[in-house]
C-alpha atoms as a PDB file:
ATOM      1  CA  GLY A   1      14.498 -16.529  33.428  1.00  0.00           C
ATOM      2  CA  ILE A   2      12.071 -18.152  31.650  1.00  0.00           C
ATOM      3  CA  GLN A   3      12.652 -21.972  30.951  1.00  0.00           C
ATOM      4  CA  LEU A   4      12.197 -23.740  28.039  1.00  0.00           C
ATOM      5  CA  ALA A   5      12.161 -27.355  27.583  1.00  0.00           C
ATOM      6  CA  PRO A   6      13.322 -28.950  23.799  1.00  0.00           C
ATOM      7  CA  LYS A   7      11.083 -28.106  21.524  1.00  0.00           C
ATOM      8  CA  GLU A   8       9.082 -25.690  23.233  1.00  0.00           C
ATOM      9  CA  LYS A   9       7.807 -22.945  21.549  1.00  0.00           C
ATOM     10  CA  LEU A  10       7.897 -19.109  23.357  1.00  0.00           C
ATOM     11  CA  GLU A  11       5.307 -16.685  22.364  1.00  0.00           C
ATOM     12  CA  ILE A  12       6.497 -13.220  22.671  1.00  0.00           C
ATOM     13  CA  PRO A  13       3.580 -10.382  22.700  1.00  0.00           C
ATOM     14  CA  LEU A  14       3.934  -7.233  21.108  1.00  0.00           C
ATOM     15  CA  LEU A  15       1.838  -4.273  21.546  1.00  0.00           C
ATOM     16  CA  PHE A  16       1.810  -1.382  19.470  1.00  0.00           C
ATOM     17  CA  MET A  17       0.214   1.997  20.391  1.00  0.00           C
ATOM     18  CA  PRO A  18       1.064   4.554  18.345  1.00  0.00           C
ATOM     19  CA  ALA A  19       0.886   8.536  19.176  1.00  0.00           C
ATOM     20  CA  GLU A  20       1.843  10.106  16.156  1.00  0.00           C
ATOM     21  CA  MET A  21       2.202   9.353  12.281  1.00  0.00           C
ATOM     22  CA  LYS A  22       5.471   8.533  12.255  1.00  0.00           C
ATOM     23  CA  ILE A  23       7.833   5.385  11.682  1.00  0.00           C
ATOM     24  CA  TYR A  24       8.680   3.435  15.200  1.00  0.00           C
ATOM     25  CA  LYS A  25      11.636   1.533  15.508  1.00  0.00           C
ATOM     26  CA  ALA A  26      12.264  -1.537  18.461  1.00  0.00           C
ATOM     27  CA  VAL A  27      14.839  -4.327  18.644  1.00  0.00           C
ATOM     28  CA  VAL A  28      13.841  -7.684  20.388  1.00  0.00           C
ATOM     29  CA  VAL A  29      16.890  -9.440  21.331  1.00  0.00           C
ATOM     30  CA  ILE A  30      16.614 -13.089  23.178  1.00  0.00           C
ATOM     31  CA  HIS A  31      19.465 -14.636  25.500  1.00  0.00           C
ATOM     32  CA  VAL A  32      19.441 -18.251  25.456  1.00  0.00           C
ATOM     33  CA  MET A  33      21.868 -19.863  27.677  1.00  0.00           C
ATOM     34  CA  ARG A  34      21.873 -23.140  29.466  1.00  0.00           C
ATOM     35  CA  LYS A  35      20.529 -24.189  32.030  1.00  0.00           C
ATOM     36  CA  ASN A  36      23.058 -25.780  34.281  1.00  0.00           C
ATOM     37  CA  GLY A  37      25.283 -21.973  33.670  1.00  0.00           C
ATOM     38  CA  GLU A  38      27.615 -24.298  31.459  1.00  0.00           C
ATOM     39  CA  ASN A  39      29.193 -22.667  28.213  1.00  0.00           C
ATOM     40  CA  TRP A  40      29.242 -24.406  25.276  1.00  0.00           C
ATOM     41  CA  PRO A  41      32.693 -25.151  23.893  1.00  0.00           C
ATOM     42  CA  TYR A  42      33.102 -23.374  20.812  1.00  0.00           C
ATOM     43  CA  GLU A  43      35.251 -20.301  20.807  1.00  0.00           C
ATOM     44  CA  VAL A  44      34.629 -17.749  18.766  1.00  0.00           C
ATOM     45  CA  SER A  45      37.634 -16.180  17.187  1.00  0.00           C
ATOM     46  CA  ALA A  46      38.681 -12.891  15.475  1.00  0.00           C
ATOM     47  CA  GLU A  47      38.483 -14.427  12.243  1.00  0.00           C
ATOM     48  CA  SER A  48      35.149 -15.583  12.608  1.00  0.00           C
ATOM     49  CA  ASN A  49      31.775 -14.612  11.015  1.00  0.00           C
ATOM     50  CA  THR A  50      30.608 -10.621  11.694  1.00  0.00           C
ATOM     51  CA  ASN A  51      27.050 -11.786  12.275  1.00  0.00           C
ATOM     52  CA  LEU A  52      28.267 -14.068  14.163  1.00  0.00           C
ATOM     53  CA  ASN A  53      30.351 -12.240  16.989  1.00  0.00           C
ATOM     54  CA  ARG A  54      27.535 -10.234  17.073  1.00  0.00           C
ATOM     55  CA  ASN A  55      24.931 -12.960  18.391  1.00  0.00           C
ATOM     56  CA  VAL A  56      26.674 -14.846  20.765  1.00  0.00           C
ATOM     57  CA  THR A  57      27.684 -14.256  23.984  1.00  0.00           C
ATOM     58  CA  VAL A  58      31.291 -15.078  24.985  1.00  0.00           C
ATOM     59  CA  ALA A  59      32.921 -16.005  28.311  1.00  0.00           C
ATOM     60  CA  GLU A  60      36.060 -15.014  29.923  1.00  0.00           C
ATOM     61  CA  ASN A  61      37.910 -18.156  28.553  1.00  0.00           C
ATOM     62  CA  GLY A  62      36.325 -17.293  24.810  1.00  0.00           C
ATOM     63  CA  GLU A  63      33.966 -20.406  24.715  1.00  0.00           C
ATOM     64  CA  THR A  64      29.886 -19.228  23.853  1.00  0.00           C
ATOM     65  CA  GLN A  65      28.066 -18.133  26.860  1.00  0.00           C
ATOM     66  CA  GLY A  66      25.476 -17.157  25.260  1.00  0.00           C
ATOM     67  CA  ILE A  67      23.345 -17.524  21.511  1.00  0.00           C
ATOM     68  CA  LEU A  68      21.695 -13.946  21.212  1.00  0.00           C
ATOM     69  CA  TRP A  69      18.464 -13.953  18.519  1.00  0.00           C
ATOM     70  CA  ILE A  70      17.497 -10.192  17.139  1.00  0.00           C
ATOM     71  CA  TYR A  71      14.222  -9.389  15.641  1.00  0.00           C
ATOM     72  CA  PRO A  72      13.933  -5.718  14.026  1.00  0.00           C
ATOM     73  CA  ILE A  73      10.132  -4.185  14.789  1.00  0.00           C
ATOM     74  CA  ASN A  74       9.239  -1.150  12.339  1.00  0.00           C
ATOM     75  CA  GLY A  75       5.784   0.091  13.671  1.00  0.00           C
ATOM     76  CA  THR A  76       3.677   1.903  11.048  1.00  0.00           C
ATOM     77  CA  PRO A  77       0.757   3.775  12.156  1.00  0.00           C
ATOM     78  CA  GLU A  78      -2.075   3.231  10.081  1.00  0.00           C
ATOM     79  CA  ALA A  79      -5.239   6.100  10.434  1.00  0.00           C
ATOM     80  CA  PRO A  80      -8.968   4.776  10.919  1.00  0.00           C
ATOM     81  CA  GLN A  81     -10.865   3.977   7.165  1.00  0.00           C
ATOM     82  CA  GLN A  82     -12.066   7.071   5.368  1.00  0.00           C
ATOM     83  CA  LYS A  83     -14.853   7.986   3.691  1.00  0.00           C
ATOM     84  CA  SER A  84     -15.470   5.979   0.156  1.00  0.00           C
ATOM     85  CA  VAL A  85     -14.880   8.030  -2.899  1.00  0.00           C
ATOM     86  CA  VAL A  86     -17.184   7.286  -5.099  1.00  0.00           C
ATOM     87  CA  ILE A  87     -16.573   7.352  -9.232  1.00  0.00           C
ATOM     88  CA  CYS A  88     -19.610   7.361 -11.762  1.00  0.00           C
ATOM     89  CA  CYS A  89     -18.865   6.922 -15.761  1.00  0.00           C
ATOM     90  CA  GLN A  90     -21.819   6.049 -18.218  1.00  0.00           C
ATOM     91  CA  ALA A  91     -20.448   2.662 -20.019  1.00  0.00           C
ATOM     92  CA  ARG A  92     -18.363   2.981 -23.246  1.00  0.00           C
ATOM     93  CA  GLN A  93     -17.765   6.688 -21.414  1.00  0.00           C
ATOM     94  CA  ARG A  94     -14.324   8.368 -20.564  1.00  0.00           C
ATOM     95  CA  LEU A  95     -14.079  10.146 -16.732  1.00  0.00           C
ATOM     96  CA  GLU A  96     -11.324  12.416 -16.526  1.00  0.00           C
ATOM     97  CA  GLN A  97     -11.902  13.720 -12.655  1.00  0.00           C
ATOM     98  CA  ARG A  98      -9.608  15.086 -10.079  1.00  0.00           C
ATOM     99  CA  VAL A  99      -9.494  13.327  -6.533  1.00  0.00           C
ATOM    100  CA  GLU A 100      -8.867  14.851  -3.091  1.00  0.00           C
ATOM    101  CA  LEU A 101      -7.483  13.249  -0.808  1.00  0.00           C
ATOM    102  CA  LEU A 102      -6.511  14.378   2.851  1.00  0.00           C
ATOM    103  CA  LEU A 103      -3.461  13.353   4.776  1.00  0.00           C
ATOM    104  CA  PHE A 104      -3.972  14.070   8.167  1.00  0.00           C
ATOM    105  CA  GLY A 105      -0.951  13.997  11.109  1.00  0.00           C
ATOM    106  CA  VAL A 106       1.781  13.837   9.039  1.00  0.00           C
ATOM    107  CA  ILE A 107       5.023  14.643  10.265  1.00  0.00           C
ATOM    108  CA  PRO A 108       8.067  15.240   8.524  1.00  0.00           C
ATOM    109  CA  GLY A 109      11.080  13.742   8.810  1.00  0.00           C
ATOM    110  CA  ALA A 110      13.936  12.095   7.444  1.00  0.00           C
ATOM    111  CA  THR A 111      13.528   8.568   7.396  1.00  0.00           C
ATOM    112  CA  ALA A 112      13.064   7.068   4.503  1.00  0.00           C
ATOM    113  CA  LEU A 113      11.034   3.670   3.346  1.00  0.00           C
ATOM    114  CA  PRO A 114      12.623   0.585   1.970  1.00  0.00           C
ATOM    115  CA  ASP A 115      11.350   0.396  -1.465  1.00  0.00           C
ATOM    116  CA  ALA A 116       8.068  -0.971  -2.226  1.00  0.00           C
ATOM    117  CA  GLU A 117       7.128  -3.314  -4.999  1.00  0.00           C
ATOM    118  CA  ASN A 118       4.151  -2.422  -7.248  1.00  0.00           C
ATOM    119  CA  SER A 119       4.489   1.621  -5.671  1.00  0.00           C
ATOM    120  CA  ALA A 120       4.435   4.406  -7.620  1.00  0.00           C
ATOM    121  CA  VAL A 121       7.200   6.673  -5.629  1.00  0.00           C
ATOM    122  CA  VAL A 122       6.490  10.467  -5.616  1.00  0.00           C
ATOM    123  CA  ASP A 123      10.137  11.704  -5.762  1.00  0.00           C
ATOM    124  CA  THR A 124       9.917  15.722  -5.823  1.00  0.00           C
ATOM    125  CA  GLU A 125      14.019  15.635  -6.632  1.00  0.00           C
ATOM    126  CA  GLU A 126      13.428  13.655  -9.510  1.00  0.00           C
ATOM    127  CA  SER A 127      10.220  15.259 -10.623  1.00  0.00           C
ATOM    128  CA  PRO A 128      10.252  18.902 -11.124  1.00  0.00           C
ATOM    129  CA  ASN A 129       6.750  18.891 -12.619  1.00  0.00           C
ATOM    130  CA  THR A 130       5.770  18.357  -9.303  1.00  0.00           C
ATOM    131  CA  PRO A 131       5.136  20.618  -6.501  1.00  0.00           C
ATOM    132  CA  GLU A 132       7.604  19.959  -3.309  1.00  0.00           C
ATOM    133  CA  VAL A 133       5.300  19.153  -0.200  1.00  0.00           C
ATOM    134  CA  THR A 134       7.654  21.208   3.100  1.00  0.00           C
ATOM    135  CA  ASP A 135       6.673  22.499   6.151  1.00  0.00           C
ATOM    136  CA  GLY A 136       8.799  25.630   5.648  1.00  0.00           C
ATOM    137  CA  SER A 137      12.137  23.941   6.842  1.00  0.00           C
ATOM    138  CA  SER A 138      14.556  21.261   5.121  1.00  0.00           C
ATOM    139  CA  ALA A 139      12.582  18.350   5.769  1.00  0.00           C
ATOM    140  CA  THR A 140      10.707  17.366   1.978  1.00  0.00           C
ATOM    141  CA  LEU A 141       7.787  15.065   1.940  1.00  0.00           C
ATOM    142  CA  GLU A 142       7.477  12.335  -0.224  1.00  0.00           C
ATOM    143  CA  PHE A 143       4.949   9.353  -0.443  1.00  0.00           C
ATOM    144  CA  LEU A 144       3.816   5.987  -1.859  1.00  0.00           C
ATOM    145  CA  TYR A 145       1.093   5.096  -3.493  1.00  0.00           C
ATOM    146  CA  GLU A 146      -0.471   1.964  -5.145  1.00  0.00           C
ATOM    147  CA  LEU A 147      -4.325   0.908  -6.184  1.00  0.00           C
ATOM    148  CA  GLN A 148      -4.762  -2.351  -4.170  1.00  0.00           C
ATOM    149  CA  TYR A 149      -7.805  -4.585  -5.004  1.00  0.00           C
ATOM    150  CA  GLN A 150      -9.967  -6.732  -2.684  1.00  0.00           C
ATOM    151  CA  SER A 151      -9.237  -9.777  -5.304  1.00  0.00           C
ATOM    152  CA  ASP A 152      -7.861 -11.184  -8.466  1.00  0.00           C
ATOM    153  CA  GLU A 153     -10.727 -11.219  -9.903  1.00  0.00           C
ATOM    154  CA  ILE A 154     -11.566  -7.672  -9.459  1.00  0.00           C
ATOM    155  CA  ARG A 155      -7.886  -6.578 -10.209  1.00  0.00           C
ATOM    156  CA  SER A 156      -9.032  -8.331 -14.074  1.00  0.00           C
ATOM    157  CA  GLN A 157     -11.713  -6.362 -14.124  1.00  0.00           C
ATOM    158  CA  LEU A 158     -10.670  -3.093 -13.128  1.00  0.00           C
ATOM    159  CA  GLU A 159      -6.535  -2.712 -14.158  1.00  0.00           C
ATOM    160  CA  SER A 160      -6.874  -1.590 -17.788  1.00  0.00           C
ATOM    161  CA  LEU A 161     -10.419   0.039 -16.764  1.00  0.00           C
ATOM    162  CA  VAL A 162      -8.366   2.395 -14.145  1.00  0.00           C
ATOM    163  CA  GLY A 163      -5.367   4.806 -14.519  1.00  0.00           C
ATOM    164  CA  MET A 164      -4.179   7.215 -11.535  1.00  0.00           C
ATOM    165  CA  GLN A 165      -1.213   9.627 -11.476  1.00  0.00           C
ATOM    166  CA  LEU A 166      -0.496  12.123  -9.110  1.00  0.00           C
ATOM    167  CA  VAL A 167      -0.649  15.862  -9.789  1.00  0.00           C
ATOM    168  CA  GLU A 168      -0.436  17.931  -7.008  1.00  0.00           C
ATOM    169  CA  LYS A 169       0.168  18.145  -3.036  1.00  0.00           C
ATOM    170  CA  GLU A 170      -0.413  20.991  -0.675  1.00  0.00           C
ATOM    171  CA  TRP A 171       0.992  21.020   2.836  1.00  0.00           C
ATOM    172  CA  ASP A 172      -0.461  22.818   5.710  1.00  0.00           C
ATOM    173  CA  LYS A 173       2.159  23.021   8.142  1.00  0.00           C
ATOM    174  CA  GLU A 174       0.132  24.710  10.925  1.00  0.00           C
ATOM    175  CA  SER A 175      -2.956  21.675  10.859  1.00  0.00           C
ATOM    176  CA  ARG A 176      -0.568  19.315   9.447  1.00  0.00           C
ATOM    177  CA  ILE A 177      -3.044  18.371   6.931  1.00  0.00           C
ATOM    178  CA  VAL A 178      -1.724  17.423   3.447  1.00  0.00           C
ATOM    179  CA  THR A 179      -3.565  17.219   0.736  1.00  0.00           C
ATOM    180  CA  LEU A 180      -2.951  14.811  -2.251  1.00  0.00           C
ATOM    181  CA  ILE A 181      -4.605  15.709  -5.716  1.00  0.00           C
ATOM    182  CA  PHE A 182      -5.214  12.586  -7.979  1.00  0.00           C
ATOM    183  CA  ASN A 183      -6.084  12.636 -11.387  1.00  0.00           C
ATOM    184  CA  VAL A 184      -8.037   9.023 -11.625  1.00  0.00           C
ATOM    185  CA  VAL A 185      -8.759   8.427 -15.530  1.00  0.00           C
ATOM    186  CA  PHE A 186     -11.587   5.765 -15.515  1.00  0.00           C
ATOM    187  CA  ALA A 187     -12.697   4.089 -18.859  1.00  0.00           C
ATOM    188  CA  PRO A 188     -15.439   1.104 -18.577  1.00  0.00           C
ATOM    189  CA  SER A 189     -16.817  -1.312 -20.979  1.00  0.00           C
ATOM    190  CA  LYS A 190     -19.506  -2.571 -19.793  1.00  0.00           C
ATOM    191  CA  PRO A 191     -21.894  -1.407 -16.552  1.00  0.00           C
ATOM    192  CA  LEU A 192     -20.054  -2.641 -13.105  1.00  0.00           C
ATOM    193  CA  ARG A 193     -19.726  -1.773 -10.098  1.00  0.00           C
ATOM    194  CA  ASN A 194     -16.772  -2.755  -8.155  1.00  0.00           C
ATOM    195  CA  GLU A 195     -14.779  -1.617  -4.910  1.00  0.00           C
ATOM    196  CA  ALA A 196     -10.689  -0.454  -4.928  1.00  0.00           C
ATOM    197  CA  ALA A 197      -8.729   0.979  -2.314  1.00  0.00           C
ATOM    198  CA  VAL A 198      -5.532   3.376  -2.741  1.00  0.00           C
ATOM    199  CA  VAL A 199      -2.988   3.253  -0.100  1.00  0.00           C
ATOM    200  CA  ILE A 200      -0.437   5.922   0.600  1.00  0.00           C
ATOM    201  CA  GLN A 201       2.289   5.677   2.594  1.00  0.00           C
ATOM    202  CA  CYS A 202       4.497   8.659   4.022  1.00  0.00           C
ATOM    203  CA  THR A 203       8.306   8.351   4.242  1.00  0.00           C
ATOM    204  CA  ALA A 204       8.432   9.939   7.415  1.00  0.00           C
ATOM    205  CA  GLY A 205       5.901   7.238   8.839  1.00  0.00           C
ATOM    206  CA  GLY A 206       2.351   6.601   8.702  1.00  0.00           C
ATOM    207  CA  LEU A 207      -0.008   5.162   6.159  1.00  0.00           C
ATOM    208  CA  TRP A 208      -3.746   6.028   4.855  1.00  0.00           C
ATOM    209  CA  ARG A 209      -6.370   3.899   3.321  1.00  0.00           C
ATOM    210  CA  PHE A 210      -9.032   5.211   1.105  1.00  0.00           C
ATOM    211  CA  PRO A 211     -11.897   3.205  -0.753  1.00  0.00           C
ATOM    212  CA  LEU A 212     -12.873   3.495  -4.057  1.00  0.00           C
ATOM    213  CA  VAL A 213     -16.014   2.732  -5.537  1.00  0.00           C
ATOM    214  CA  PHE A 214     -16.297   2.231  -9.379  1.00  0.00           C
ATOM    215  CA  ILE A 215     -20.191   2.857 -10.988  1.00  0.00           C
ATOM    216  CA  ALA A 216     -20.623   2.040 -14.696  1.00  0.00           C
ATOM    217  CA  THR A 217     -23.832   2.574 -14.885  1.00  0.00           C
ATOM    218  CA  GLU A 218     -25.883   1.675 -18.528  1.00  0.00           C
ATOM    219  CA  PRO A 219     -24.538   2.214 -22.026  1.00  0.00           C
ATOM    220  CA  GLU A 220     -26.566   5.058 -24.069  1.00  0.00           C
ATOM    221  CA  VAL A 221     -28.294   3.233 -26.690  1.00  0.00           C
ATOM    222  CA  ASP A 222     -26.401   2.493 -29.602  1.00  0.00           C
ATOM    223  CA  ASP A 223     -29.825   2.378 -31.859  1.00  0.00           C
ATOM    224  CA  VAL A 224     -33.193   1.650 -32.719  1.00  0.00           C
ATOM    225  CA  ILE A 225     -34.281  -1.128 -34.949  1.00  0.00           C
ATOM    226  CA  ASN A 226     -36.923  -0.845 -36.911  1.00  0.00           C
ATOM    227  CA  ILE A 227     -39.288  -3.760 -38.458  1.00  0.00           C
ATOM    228  CA  GLU A 228     -42.131  -3.302 -41.001  1.00  0.00           C
ATOM    229  CA  ALA A 229     -44.763  -6.324 -41.631  1.00  0.00           C
ATOM    230  CA  VAL A 230     -44.914  -7.087 -45.387  1.00  0.00           C
ATOM    231  CA  GLY A 231     -48.511  -8.643 -44.471  1.00  0.00           C
ATOM    232  CA  LEU A 232     -49.936 -10.809 -42.050  1.00  0.00           C
ATOM    233  CA  ASN A 233     -48.972 -14.189 -41.307  1.00  0.00           C
ATOM    234  CA  LYS A 234     -45.934 -12.813 -42.388  1.00  0.00           C
ATOM    235  CA  GLU A 235     -41.928 -12.982 -41.700  1.00  0.00           C
ATOM    236  CA  SER A 236     -39.829  -9.701 -42.165  1.00  0.00           C
ATOM    237  CA  ILE A 237     -36.446  -9.371 -41.480  1.00  0.00           C
ATOM    238  CA  VAL A 238     -34.142  -7.005 -41.119  1.00  0.00           C
ATOM    239  CA  GLY A 239     -29.926  -7.184 -40.600  1.00  0.00           C
ATOM    240  CA  PHE A 240     -27.642  -5.768 -38.757  1.00  0.00           C
ATOM    241  CA  LYS A 241     -23.844  -6.181 -36.986  1.00  0.00           C
ATOM    242  CA  LEU A 242     -22.441  -6.583 -34.033  1.00  0.00           C
ATOM    243  CA  THR A 243     -18.842  -6.176 -33.083  1.00  0.00           C
ATOM    244  CA  SER A 244     -16.861  -7.525 -30.308  1.00  0.00           C
ATOM    245  CA  GLN A 245     -14.419  -5.052 -29.120  1.00  0.00           C
ATOM    246  CA  THR A 246     -12.234  -7.602 -27.687  1.00  0.00           C
ATOM    247  CA  ARG A 247     -10.769 -11.165 -29.021  1.00  0.00           C
END
């Protein structure tokens, strides 16, 4: 019963209040008909495009009575912000640290997510060295995880210094808590402090975001340069070499 003037805009509000960490799907259908009740003089035949048949309503005489716009809605619940994980290493050293991330409210399901670009897929069927996460039934939990940066500048500083790999998964069916254990490698070349976030998405639904803080402290002193005076008001010279690690 909503009437629209030519070129007028219609805003359709959507409210999403997920009760569980699972995928929610819905469809918004907009049906448009002429205000005077007349049909469009266009007949939809059996040879017409399949999408056209689906997106129009046809009157008894074969003319187009209404036009449909169909918008699929996919809802993904996101867990509350988690506490930051601090990874600290001295500059010019290499740190290898195991990080445990707890995912609360995981619900096993067979619904799969579409492929995500720039994401690492944890497929238990293709990765025999990775333990499967099951709830005792045939449902297997799989995850997508990705390390995201706050800006391109931070990405350029951290991307070559940080490595992250999922090494173990544990599933507690009573508490519905999944523990993902990552092996994080941090090898800074100079002092810095930057933030990133690992975003985890379950194929059964749900998204978790864990902030990571990478801190590189001052490196050890390379050497001590001793200059011995040869006399008052006379110059003493000591030479030493500096090597750049980059071009």
